[in-house]
Amino acid sequence: MYLISEVDQFVHVAEHKFHFRRGEKITTEYSYKYAPEEFAALAGKAGFEFAHMWSDDARLFGVFYFTCSRSR
């Protein structure tokens, strides 16, 4: 996903100043798809423990609940 700057502009964020040209694309998101089991395993490597998953009937969309792993 991306945004497109509609005008030539400078944007200030804290002490940083960014220049965007008119028409310049700004990437705002990268989306990755994982099977539920793959996502749980990936989160486990980051120190989280799978607790529950809610999903639609076709398992196309899911909301995951993780807890902090006690081993960390």
C-alpha atoms as a PDB file:
ATOM      1  CA  MET A   1       0.000   0.000   0.000  1.00  0.00           C
ATOM      2  CA  TYR A   2       1.191   3.527  -0.638  1.00  0.00           C
ATOM      3  CA  LEU A   3       0.249   7.199  -0.552  1.00  0.00           C
ATOM      4  CA  ILE A   4       0.924   9.692  -3.336  1.00  0.00           C
ATOM      5  CA  SER A   5       2.037  13.207  -2.491  1.00  0.00           C
ATOM      6  CA  GLU A   6      -0.388  15.613  -4.169  1.00  0.00           C
ATOM      7  CA  VAL A   7       1.976  18.597  -3.872  1.00  0.00           C
ATOM      8  CA  ASP A   8       5.689  19.310  -3.595  1.00  0.00           C
ATOM      9  CA  GLN A   9       6.186  19.499   0.176  1.00  0.00           C
ATOM     10  CA  PHE A  10       8.432  19.256   3.195  1.00  0.00           C
ATOM     11  CA  VAL A  11       7.225  17.221   6.171  1.00  0.00           C
ATOM     12  CA  HIS A  12       8.721  17.684   9.639  1.00  0.00           C
ATOM     13  CA  VAL A  13       8.848  14.749  12.065  1.00  0.00           C
ATOM     14  CA  ALA A  14      10.602  15.619  15.327  1.00  0.00           C
ATOM     15  CA  GLU A  15      14.010  16.988  14.275  1.00  0.00           C
ATOM     16  CA  HIS A  16      13.857  15.399  10.805  1.00  0.00           C
ATOM     17  CA  LYS A  17      12.729  17.091   7.596  1.00  0.00           C
ATOM     18  CA  PHE A  18      11.555  15.038   4.596  1.00  0.00           C
ATOM     19  CA  HIS A  19      10.998  16.318   1.071  1.00  0.00           C
ATOM     20  CA  PHE A  20       8.316  14.726  -1.112  1.00  0.00           C
ATOM     21  CA  ARG A  21       7.889  15.663  -4.745  1.00  0.00           C
ATOM     22  CA  ARG A  22       4.430  16.032  -6.264  1.00  0.00           C
ATOM     23  CA  GLY A  23       3.378  12.580  -7.511  1.00  0.00           C
ATOM     24  CA  GLU A  24       5.963  10.739  -5.398  1.00  0.00           C
ATOM     25  CA  LYS A  25       4.765   7.398  -4.003  1.00  0.00           C
ATOM     26  CA  ILE A  26       5.327   6.776  -0.302  1.00  0.00           C
ATOM     27  CA  THR A  27       5.200   3.128   0.763  1.00  0.00           C
ATOM     28  CA  THR A  28       3.113   2.805   3.933  1.00  0.00           C
ATOM     29  CA  GLU A  29       2.647  -0.946   4.300  1.00  0.00           C
ATOM     30  CA  TYR A  30       3.973  -4.368   3.397  1.00  0.00           C
ATOM     31  CA  SER A  31       1.537  -7.230   3.740  1.00  0.00           C
ATOM     32  CA  TYR A  32       2.584 -10.829   4.286  1.00  0.00           C
ATOM     33  CA  LYS A  33       0.334 -13.878   4.334  1.00  0.00           C
ATOM     34  CA  TYR A  34       0.990 -16.836   6.622  1.00  0.00           C
ATOM     35  CA  ALA A  35      -0.895 -20.012   7.410  1.00  0.00           C
ATOM     36  CA  PRO A  36      -2.063 -19.874  11.055  1.00  0.00           C
ATOM     37  CA  GLU A  37       0.479 -22.517  12.077  1.00  0.00           C
ATOM     38  CA  GLU A  38       3.318 -20.621  10.363  1.00  0.00           C
ATOM     39  CA  PHE A  39       2.326 -17.378  12.077  1.00  0.00           C
ATOM     40  CA  ALA A  40       2.172 -19.042  15.498  1.00  0.00           C
ATOM     41  CA  ALA A  41       5.636 -20.553  14.933  1.00  0.00           C
ATOM     42  CA  LEU A  42       7.051 -17.191  13.824  1.00  0.00           C
ATOM     43  CA  ALA A  43       5.599 -15.463  16.891  1.00  0.00           C
ATOM     44  CA  GLY A  44       7.018 -18.254  19.059  1.00  0.00           C
ATOM     45  CA  LYS A  45      10.523 -17.477  17.781  1.00  0.00           C
ATOM     46  CA  ALA A  46       9.973 -13.866  18.900  1.00  0.00           C
ATOM     47  CA  GLY A  47       9.088 -14.939  22.449  1.00  0.00           C
ATOM     48  CA  PHE A  48       5.305 -15.178  22.264  1.00  0.00           C
ATOM     49  CA  GLU A  49       3.113 -18.150  23.101  1.00  0.00           C
ATOM     50  CA  PHE A  50      -0.023 -18.877  21.058  1.00  0.00           C
ATOM     51  CA  ALA A  51      -3.197 -18.727  23.176  1.00  0.00           C
ATOM     52  CA  HIS A  52      -6.173 -18.541  20.801  1.00  0.00           C
ATOM     53  CA  MET A  53      -7.265 -17.757  17.260  1.00  0.00           C
ATOM     54  CA  TRP A  54     -10.619 -16.473  16.040  1.00  0.00           C
ATOM     55  CA  SER A  55     -11.358 -16.748  12.314  1.00  0.00           C
ATOM     56  CA  ASP A  56     -14.049 -16.825   9.708  1.00  0.00           C
ATOM     57  CA  ASP A  57     -15.432 -20.208   8.606  1.00  0.00           C
ATOM     58  CA  ALA A  58     -13.112 -20.379   5.588  1.00  0.00           C
ATOM     59  CA  ARG A  59     -10.054 -19.440   7.716  1.00  0.00           C
ATOM     60  CA  LEU A  60      -9.213 -16.602   5.339  1.00  0.00           C
ATOM     61  CA  PHE A  61      -8.976 -13.997   8.111  1.00  0.00           C
ATOM     62  CA  GLY A  62      -7.834 -14.450  11.666  1.00  0.00           C
ATOM     63  CA  VAL A  63      -7.276 -12.586  14.897  1.00  0.00           C
ATOM     64  CA  PHE A  64      -4.608 -14.083  17.121  1.00  0.00           C
ATOM     65  CA  TYR A  65      -4.115 -13.859  20.869  1.00  0.00           C
ATOM     66  CA  PHE A  66      -0.584 -14.427  22.159  1.00  0.00           C
ATOM     67  CA  THR A  67       0.956 -14.189  25.612  1.00  0.00           C
ATOM     68  CA  CYS A  68       4.557 -13.494  26.565  1.00  0.00           C
ATOM     69  CA  SER A  69       6.545 -16.694  26.808  1.00  0.00           C
ATOM     70  CA  ARG A  70       7.672 -17.528  30.345  1.00  0.00           C
ATOM     71  CA  SER A  71      11.051 -18.708  29.029  1.00  0.00           C
ATOM     72  CA  ARG A  72      12.128 -15.160  28.132  1.00  0.00           C
END
